[in-house]
PDB file of N, CA and C in Angstrom:
ATOM      1  N   UNK A   1       0.859  -0.868   0.260  1.00  0.00           N
ATOM      2  CA  UNK A   1      -0.116  -0.010   0.265  1.00  0.00           C
ATOM      3  C   UNK A   1       1.203   1.209  -0.137  1.00  0.00           C
ATOM      4  N   UNK A   2       0.628   2.031  -0.766  1.00  0.00           N
ATOM      5  CA  UNK A   2       1.282   3.421  -1.011  1.00  0.00           C
ATOM      6  C   UNK A   2       0.708   4.368   0.054  1.00  0.00           C
ATOM      7  N   UNK A   3       1.399   5.369   0.492  1.00  0.00           N
ATOM      8  CA  UNK A   3       1.085   6.147   1.490  1.00  0.00           C
ATOM      9  C   UNK A   3       1.292   7.459   0.872  1.00  0.00           C
ATOM     10  N   UNK A   4       0.236   8.496   1.111  1.00  0.00           N
ATOM     11  CA  UNK A   4       0.156   9.914   0.052  1.00  0.00           C
ATOM     12  C   UNK A   4       1.544  10.492   0.643  1.00  0.00           C
ATOM     13  N   UNK A   5       2.002  11.354  -0.312  1.00  0.00           N
ATOM     14  CA  UNK A   5       3.308  12.425   0.077  1.00  0.00           C
ATOM     15  C   UNK A   5       2.493  13.598   1.541  1.00  0.00           C
ATOM     16  N   UNK A   6       2.970  13.587   2.196  1.00  0.00           N
ATOM     17  CA  UNK A   6       2.484  14.500   3.566  1.00  0.00           C
ATOM     18  C   UNK A   6       2.538  15.440   2.954  1.00  0.00           C
ATOM     19  N   UNK A   7       1.423  16.667   3.139  1.00  0.00           N
ATOM     20  CA  UNK A   7       0.975  17.661   2.796  1.00  0.00           C
ATOM     21  C   UNK A   7       1.242  18.975   3.869  1.00  0.00           C
ATOM     22  N   UNK A   8       1.642  19.929   4.211  1.00  0.00           N
ATOM     23  CA  UNK A   8       2.079  20.681   5.235  1.00  0.00           C
ATOM     24  C   UNK A   8       0.880  21.858   4.928  1.00  0.00           C
ATOM     25  N   UNK A   9       0.358  22.694   5.970  1.00  0.00           N
ATOM     26  CA  UNK A   9      -0.413  23.919   5.875  1.00  0.00           C
ATOM     27  C   UNK A   9       0.433  24.473   5.564  1.00  0.00           C
ATOM     28  N   UNK A  10      -0.497  25.483   4.713  1.00  0.00           N
ATOM     29  CA  UNK A  10       0.408  27.030   4.122  1.00  0.00           C
ATOM     30  C   UNK A  10       1.716  26.136   3.731  1.00  0.00           C
ATOM     31  N   UNK A  11       2.073  25.099   2.882  1.00  0.00           N
ATOM     32  CA  UNK A  11       2.953  24.920   2.183  1.00  0.00           C
ATOM     33  C   UNK A  11       3.863  25.862   1.540  1.00  0.00           C
ATOM     34  N   UNK A  12       4.998  26.517   1.781  1.00  0.00           N
ATOM     35  CA  UNK A  12       5.938  27.459   0.919  1.00  0.00           C
ATOM     36  C   UNK A  12       6.879  26.488   0.078  1.00  0.00           C
ATOM     37  N   UNK A  13       6.663  25.534  -0.460  1.00  0.00           N
ATOM     38  CA  UNK A  13       7.543  24.687  -1.021  1.00  0.00           C
ATOM     39  C   UNK A  13       9.094  24.310  -0.393  1.00  0.00           C
ATOM     40  N   UNK A  14       9.905  24.976   0.704  1.00  0.00           N
ATOM     41  CA  UNK A  14      10.808  24.938   1.560  1.00  0.00           C
ATOM     42  C   UNK A  14      11.167  24.172   2.345  1.00  0.00           C
ATOM     43  N   UNK A  15      10.406  23.043   2.350  1.00  0.00           N
ATOM     44  CA  UNK A  15      10.166  21.828   3.129  1.00  0.00           C
ATOM     45  C   UNK A  15      10.997  20.550   2.480  1.00  0.00           C
ATOM     46  N   UNK A  16      11.522  19.742   3.026  1.00  0.00           N
ATOM     47  CA  UNK A  16      11.852  18.558   2.383  1.00  0.00           C
ATOM     48  C   UNK A  16      11.010  17.339   3.776  1.00  0.00           C
ATOM     49  N   UNK A  17      10.652  16.449   2.081  1.00  0.00           N
ATOM     50  CA  UNK A  17      10.951  15.142   3.298  1.00  0.00           C
ATOM     51  C   UNK A  17      11.312  14.660   4.624  1.00  0.00           C
ATOM     52  N   UNK A  18      12.572  14.926   4.541  1.00  0.00           N
ATOM     53  CA  UNK A  18      13.631  14.445   5.520  1.00  0.00           C
ATOM     54  C   UNK A  18      13.941  15.426   6.529  1.00  0.00           C
ATOM     55  N   UNK A  19      13.235  16.705   6.527  1.00  0.00           N
ATOM     56  CA  UNK A  19      13.533  17.812   7.268  1.00  0.00           C
ATOM     57  C   UNK A  19      13.317  16.888   8.616  1.00  0.00           C
ATOM     58  N   UNK A  20      13.982  17.610   9.700  1.00  0.00           N
ATOM     59  CA  UNK A  20      14.430  17.540  11.283  1.00  0.00           C
ATOM     60  C   UNK A  20      12.807  18.176  11.804  1.00  0.00           C
ATOM     61  N   UNK A  21      12.550  17.392  12.787  1.00  0.00           N
ATOM     62  CA  UNK A  21      11.270  18.045  13.353  1.00  0.00           C
ATOM     63  C   UNK A  21      12.095  18.299  15.047  1.00  0.00           C
ATOM     64  N   UNK A  22      11.256  19.133  15.726  1.00  0.00           N
ATOM     65  CA  UNK A  22      11.860  19.608  16.507  1.00  0.00           C
ATOM     66  C   UNK A  22      10.799  19.669  17.700  1.00  0.00           C
ATOM     67  N   UNK A  23      10.836  19.037  19.165  1.00  0.00           N
ATOM     68  CA  UNK A  23       9.701  18.801  19.888  1.00  0.00           C
ATOM     69  C   UNK A  23       9.721  20.205  21.036  1.00  0.00           C
ATOM     70  N   UNK A  24       8.691  20.692  21.128  1.00  0.00           N
ATOM     71  CA  UNK A  24       8.818  21.544  22.277  1.00  0.00           C
ATOM     72  C   UNK A  24       9.535  21.576  23.333  1.00  0.00           C
ATOM     73  N   UNK A  25       9.804  20.744  23.864  1.00  0.00           N
ATOM     74  CA  UNK A  25      10.953  20.467  24.708  1.00  0.00           C
ATOM     75  C   UNK A  25      12.507  20.241  24.432  1.00  0.00           C
ATOM     76  N   UNK A  26      12.601  20.285  22.975  1.00  0.00           N
ATOM     77  CA  UNK A  26      14.047  20.251  22.490  1.00  0.00           C
ATOM     78  C   UNK A  26      14.139  21.752  22.045  1.00  0.00           C
ATOM     79  N   UNK A  27      12.726  22.567  21.665  1.00  0.00           N
ATOM     80  CA  UNK A  27      13.115  24.017  21.548  1.00  0.00           C
ATOM     81  C   UNK A  27      13.488  24.921  22.923  1.00  0.00           C
ATOM     82  N   UNK A  28      12.915  24.494  24.417  1.00  0.00           N
ATOM     83  CA  UNK A  28      12.813  25.318  25.440  1.00  0.00           C
ATOM     84  C   UNK A  28      14.550  24.929  25.949  1.00  0.00           C
ATOM     85  N   UNK A  29      14.954  23.767  26.260  1.00  0.00           N
ATOM     86  CA  UNK A  29      16.256  23.502  25.952  1.00  0.00           C
ATOM     87  C   UNK A  29      17.336  24.252  24.963  1.00  0.00           C
ATOM     88  N   UNK A  30      16.836  24.665  24.002  1.00  0.00           N
ATOM     89  CA  UNK A  30      17.902  25.114  22.967  1.00  0.00           C
ATOM     90  C   UNK A  30      17.915  26.785  23.571  1.00  0.00           C
ATOM     91  N   UNK A  31      16.733  27.317  23.273  1.00  0.00           N
ATOM     92  CA  UNK A  31      16.781  28.491  23.607  1.00  0.00           C
ATOM     93  C   UNK A  31      16.731  28.969  25.345  1.00  0.00           C
ATOM     94  N   UNK A  32      16.701  28.231  26.141  1.00  0.00           N
ATOM     95  CA  UNK A  32      16.793  28.653  27.474  1.00  0.00           C
ATOM     96  C   UNK A  32      15.326  29.193  28.001  1.00  0.00           C
ATOM     97  N   UNK A  33      14.762  28.907  27.282  1.00  0.00           N
ATOM     98  CA  UNK A  33      13.292  29.082  27.830  1.00  0.00           C
ATOM     99  C   UNK A  33      11.860  28.381  28.050  1.00  0.00           C
ATOM    100  N   UNK A  34      10.991  28.836  28.760  1.00  0.00           N
ATOM    101  CA  UNK A  34       9.768  27.835  29.434  1.00  0.00           C
ATOM    102  C   UNK A  34       9.093  27.720  28.048  1.00  0.00           C
ATOM    103  N   UNK A  35       8.161  26.532  28.127  1.00  0.00           N
ATOM    104  CA  UNK A  35       7.592  25.876  27.431  1.00  0.00           C
ATOM    105  C   UNK A  35       6.373  26.848  26.911  1.00  0.00           C
ATOM    106  N   UNK A  36       5.553  28.253  27.986  1.00  0.00           N
ATOM    107  CA  UNK A  36       4.609  29.298  27.624  1.00  0.00           C
ATOM    108  C   UNK A  36       5.233  29.760  26.816  1.00  0.00           C
ATOM    109  N   UNK A  37       6.993  30.373  26.759  1.00  0.00           N
ATOM    110  CA  UNK A  37       7.365  31.146  25.387  1.00  0.00           C
ATOM    111  C   UNK A  37       7.059  30.327  24.238  1.00  0.00           C
ATOM    112  N   UNK A  38       7.123  29.109  24.089  1.00  0.00           N
ATOM    113  CA  UNK A  38       7.635  28.525  22.661  1.00  0.00           C
ATOM    114  C   UNK A  38       6.238  28.706  22.512  1.00  0.00           C
ATOM    115  N   UNK A  39       5.040  28.585  23.309  1.00  0.00           N
ATOM    116  CA  UNK A  39       3.407  28.403  22.573  1.00  0.00           C
ATOM    117  C   UNK A  39       3.307  29.834  22.356  1.00  0.00           C
ATOM    118  N   UNK A  40       3.844  30.951  23.130  1.00  0.00           N
ATOM    119  CA  UNK A  40       3.531  32.409  22.765  1.00  0.00           C
ATOM    120  C   UNK A  40       3.702  32.572  21.239  1.00  0.00           C
ATOM    121  N   UNK A  41       5.066  32.267  21.292  1.00  0.00           N
ATOM    122  CA  UNK A  41       6.068  32.678  20.211  1.00  0.00           C
ATOM    123  C   UNK A  41       4.960  32.092  18.787  1.00  0.00           C
ATOM    124  N   UNK A  42       4.315  30.474  18.992  1.00  0.00           N
ATOM    125  CA  UNK A  42       3.677  29.863  18.201  1.00  0.00           C
ATOM    126  C   UNK A  42       2.392  30.634  17.983  1.00  0.00           C
ATOM    127  N   UNK A  43       1.516  31.052  18.793  1.00  0.00           N
ATOM    128  CA  UNK A  43       0.516  32.017  18.808  1.00  0.00           C
ATOM    129  C   UNK A  43       0.522  33.039  18.478  1.00  0.00           C
ATOM    130  N   UNK A  44       1.631  33.359  18.526  1.00  0.00           N
ATOM    131  CA  UNK A  44       1.915  35.492  17.953  1.00  0.00           C
ATOM    132  C   UNK A  44       2.380  35.374  15.957  1.00  0.00           C
ATOM    133  N   UNK A  45       2.697  33.794  15.744  1.00  0.00           N
ATOM    134  CA  UNK A  45       2.770  33.689  14.744  1.00  0.00           C
ATOM    135  C   UNK A  45       4.268  33.861  14.198  1.00  0.00           C
ATOM    136  N   UNK A  46       5.008  34.040  15.235  1.00  0.00           N
ATOM    137  CA  UNK A  46       6.497  34.123  15.068  1.00  0.00           C
ATOM    138  C   UNK A  46       7.242  32.892  14.768  1.00  0.00           C
ATOM    139  N   UNK A  47       6.608  31.672  15.109  1.00  0.00           N
ATOM    140  CA  UNK A  47       7.007  30.535  15.099  1.00  0.00           C
ATOM    141  C   UNK A  47       6.287  29.474  14.524  1.00  0.00           C
ATOM    142  N   UNK A  48       6.506  29.324  13.017  1.00  0.00           N
ATOM    143  CA  UNK A  48       5.164  28.258  12.688  1.00  0.00           C
ATOM    144  C   UNK A  48       5.543  27.014  12.861  1.00  0.00           C
ATOM    145  N   UNK A  49       4.653  26.115  12.886  1.00  0.00           N
ATOM    146  CA  UNK A  49       4.924  24.640  13.007  1.00  0.00           C
ATOM    147  C   UNK A  49       4.237  24.016  12.669  1.00  0.00           C
ATOM    148  N   UNK A  50       4.028  22.482  12.576  1.00  0.00           N
ATOM    149  CA  UNK A  50       2.895  21.683  12.404  1.00  0.00           C
ATOM    150  C   UNK A  50       2.490  20.736  13.031  1.00  0.00           C
ATOM    151  N   UNK A  51       1.296  20.038  12.916  1.00  0.00           N
ATOM    152  CA  UNK A  51       0.612  19.399  14.403  1.00  0.00           C
ATOM    153  C   UNK A  51       0.850  17.491  13.743  1.00  0.00           C
ATOM    154  N   UNK A  52       1.714  16.812  14.637  1.00  0.00           N
ATOM    155  CA  UNK A  52       1.999  15.794  14.211  1.00  0.00           C
ATOM    156  C   UNK A  52       1.151  14.824  15.175  1.00  0.00           C
ATOM    157  N   UNK A  53      -0.031  14.085  14.761  1.00  0.00           N
ATOM    158  CA  UNK A  53      -0.885  13.698  15.727  1.00  0.00           C
ATOM    159  C   UNK A  53      -1.655  14.659  16.678  1.00  0.00           C
ATOM    160  N   UNK A  54      -1.059  14.754  18.191  1.00  0.00           N
ATOM    161  CA  UNK A  54      -1.870  15.706  18.488  1.00  0.00           C
ATOM    162  C   UNK A  54      -0.905  16.497  19.208  1.00  0.00           C
ATOM    163  N   UNK A  55       0.509  16.541  18.640  1.00  0.00           N
ATOM    164  CA  UNK A  55       1.982  17.133  19.118  1.00  0.00           C
ATOM    165  C   UNK A  55       2.307  18.269  18.044  1.00  0.00           C
ATOM    166  N   UNK A  56       2.623  19.495  18.700  1.00  0.00           N
ATOM    167  CA  UNK A  56       3.138  20.260  17.681  1.00  0.00           C
ATOM    168  C   UNK A  56       4.853  20.017  17.900  1.00  0.00           C
ATOM    169  N   UNK A  57       5.475  20.113  16.228  1.00  0.00           N
ATOM    170  CA  UNK A  57       6.318  20.020  16.031  1.00  0.00           C
ATOM    171  C   UNK A  57       6.706  21.057  15.150  1.00  0.00           C
ATOM    172  N   UNK A  58       8.163  21.285  15.276  1.00  0.00           N
ATOM    173  CA  UNK A  58       8.677  22.764  14.446  1.00  0.00           C
ATOM    174  C   UNK A  58       9.586  22.256  13.627  1.00  0.00           C
ATOM    175  N   UNK A  59       9.456  22.538  12.023  1.00  0.00           N
ATOM    176  CA  UNK A  59      10.614  21.909  11.139  1.00  0.00           C
ATOM    177  C   UNK A  59      11.956  22.804  11.254  1.00  0.00           C
ATOM    178  N   UNK A  60      12.954  22.262  10.587  1.00  0.00           N
ATOM    179  CA  UNK A  60      14.307  22.904  10.762  1.00  0.00           C
ATOM    180  C   UNK A  60      13.867  24.086   9.624  1.00  0.00           C
ATOM    181  N   UNK A  61      13.368  24.038   8.859  1.00  0.00           N
ATOM    182  CA  UNK A  61      13.427  25.219   7.975  1.00  0.00           C
ATOM    183  C   UNK A  61      12.269  26.257   8.952  1.00  0.00           C
ATOM    184  N   UNK A  62      11.428  25.794   9.598  1.00  0.00           N
ATOM    185  CA  UNK A  62      10.449  27.412  10.470  1.00  0.00           C
ATOM    186  C   UNK A  62      12.030  27.838  11.659  1.00  0.00           C
ATOM    187  N   UNK A  63      12.389  26.763  12.234  1.00  0.00           N
ATOM    188  CA  UNK A  63      13.370  27.072  13.059  1.00  0.00           C
ATOM    189  C   UNK A  63      14.090  28.338  12.549  1.00  0.00           C
ATOM    190  N   UNK A  64      14.906  27.595  11.442  1.00  0.00           N
ATOM    191  CA  UNK A  64      15.599  28.661  10.674  1.00  0.00           C
ATOM    192  C   UNK A  64      15.380  30.095  10.052  1.00  0.00           C
ATOM    193  N   UNK A  65      14.100  30.065   9.636  1.00  0.00           N
ATOM    194  CA  UNK A  65      13.232  31.201   9.684  1.00  0.00           C
ATOM    195  C   UNK A  65      13.157  32.106  11.189  1.00  0.00           C
ATOM    196  N   UNK A  66      12.809  31.743  11.967  1.00  0.00           N
ATOM    197  CA  UNK A  66      12.624  32.196  12.913  1.00  0.00           C
ATOM    198  C   UNK A  66      13.749  33.066  13.712  1.00  0.00           C
ATOM    199  N   UNK A  67      14.993  32.000  13.791  1.00  0.00           N
ATOM    200  CA  UNK A  67      16.239  32.728  14.014  1.00  0.00           C
ATOM    201  C   UNK A  67      16.826  33.706  13.143  1.00  0.00           C
ATOM    202  N   UNK A  68      16.804  33.710  11.660  1.00  0.00           N
ATOM    203  CA  UNK A  68      17.022  34.442  10.999  1.00  0.00           C
ATOM    204  C   UNK A  68      15.974  36.400  11.427  1.00  0.00           C
ATOM    205  N   UNK A  69      14.891  35.718  11.458  1.00  0.00           N
ATOM    206  CA  UNK A  69      13.517  37.251  11.556  1.00  0.00           C
ATOM    207  C   UNK A  69      14.212  37.814  13.022  1.00  0.00           C
ATOM    208  N   UNK A  70      14.502  36.750  14.268  1.00  0.00           N
ATOM    209  CA  UNK A  70      15.073  37.541  15.461  1.00  0.00           C
ATOM    210  C   UNK A  70      16.657  37.978  15.007  1.00  0.00           C
ATOM    211  N   UNK A  71      17.275  37.607  14.291  1.00  0.00           N
ATOM    212  CA  UNK A  71      18.541  38.325  13.843  1.00  0.00           C
ATOM    213  C   UNK A  71      18.032  39.352  13.227  1.00  0.00           C
ATOM    214  N   UNK A  72      17.415  39.748  12.085  1.00  0.00           N
ATOM    215  CA  UNK A  72      17.113  40.529  11.571  1.00  0.00           C
ATOM    216  C   UNK A  72      16.817  41.938  12.216  1.00  0.00           C
ATOM    217  N   UNK A  73      15.552  41.578  13.377  1.00  0.00           N
ATOM    218  CA  UNK A  73      15.075  42.479  14.367  1.00  0.00           C
ATOM    219  C   UNK A  73      16.165  43.084  15.197  1.00  0.00           C
ATOM    220  N   UNK A  74      17.081  42.121  15.855  1.00  0.00           N
ATOM    221  CA  UNK A  74      18.240  42.884  16.715  1.00  0.00           C
ATOM    222  C   UNK A  74      19.167  43.500  16.088  1.00  0.00           C
ATOM    223  N   UNK A  75      19.404  42.903  14.865  1.00  0.00           N
ATOM    224  CA  UNK A  75      20.208  44.364  13.881  1.00  0.00           C
ATOM    225  C   UNK A  75      19.454  45.578  13.927  1.00  0.00           C
ATOM    226  N   UNK A  76      18.113  45.441  13.359  1.00  0.00           N
ATOM    227  CA  UNK A  76      17.610  47.009  13.096  1.00  0.00           C
ATOM    228  C   UNK A  76      17.611  47.358  14.303  1.00  0.00           C
ATOM    229  N   UNK A  77      17.610  46.773  15.560  1.00  0.00           N
ATOM    230  CA  UNK A  77      17.108  47.619  16.809  1.00  0.00           C
ATOM    231  C   UNK A  77      18.624  47.974  17.127  1.00  0.00           C
ATOM    232  N   UNK A  78      19.561  47.525  17.345  1.00  0.00           N
ATOM    233  CA  UNK A  78      21.013  48.219  16.923  1.00  0.00           C
ATOM    234  C   UNK A  78      21.365  49.233  16.161  1.00  0.00           C
ATOM    235  N   UNK A  79      20.674  49.517  14.957  1.00  0.00           N
ATOM    236  CA  UNK A  79      21.168  50.548  14.138  1.00  0.00           C
ATOM    237  C   UNK A  79      20.153  51.375  14.418  1.00  0.00           C
ATOM    238  N   UNK A  80      19.088  51.387  14.896  1.00  0.00           N
ATOM    239  CA  UNK A  80      18.382  52.458  15.763  1.00  0.00           C
ATOM    240  C   UNK A  80      19.218  52.881  16.851  1.00  0.00           C
ATOM    241  N   UNK A  81      19.703  52.059  17.542  1.00  0.00           N
ATOM    242  CA  UNK A  81      20.005  52.881  18.887  1.00  0.00           C
ATOM    243  C   UNK A  81      21.103  53.600  18.394  1.00  0.00           C
ATOM    244  N   UNK A  82      21.969  53.122  17.522  1.00  0.00           N
ATOM    245  CA  UNK A  82      23.381  54.087  17.096  1.00  0.00           C
ATOM    246  C   UNK A  82      22.957  55.350  16.752  1.00  0.00           C
ATOM    247  N   UNK A  83      21.780  55.474  15.691  1.00  0.00           N
ATOM    248  CA  UNK A  83      21.360  56.668  14.916  1.00  0.00           C
ATOM    249  C   UNK A  83      20.952  57.574  15.845  1.00  0.00           C
ATOM    250  N   UNK A  84      20.645  57.261  17.332  1.00  0.00           N
ATOM    251  CA  UNK A  84      19.959  58.282  17.949  1.00  0.00           C
ATOM    252  C   UNK A  84      20.442  58.422  19.203  1.00  0.00           C
ATOM    253  N   UNK A  85      21.028  59.553  19.560  1.00  0.00           N
ATOM    254  CA  UNK A  85      21.892  59.925  20.757  1.00  0.00           C
ATOM    255  C   UNK A  85      20.904  59.332  22.004  1.00  0.00           C
ATOM    256  N   UNK A  86      21.396  58.756  23.034  1.00  0.00           N
ATOM    257  CA  UNK A  86      20.380  58.656  24.572  1.00  0.00           C
ATOM    258  C   UNK A  86      20.889  59.970  25.219  1.00  0.00           C
TER     259      UNK A  86
END
C-alpha cells in the first residue's frame, strides 16, 4: 500500500521530506526558555509549526526562519540605537 506524500498547511515549498522536527521540549532546552514562551511565539505567529497527531512540531526550516527574523530584528534595533543619541 502506498501512502500519500504528506502535505503541510500553508506549504511554501521550502520543506523537504527528510527535514528534522523539533519538539517543544527540545526548543525550550535550545533557547533556555519556558514551554509557555514557545507556545506564545507560536500563537503570535513568530514560530511556525506543524501538528503531528496531537503534538506540535517545529521543522528545521521553521526554526531557521524564526532565528533569521530574530537576528534581523536585533540588527534593526541596534542600528536604531546607534542613530539616535540617548
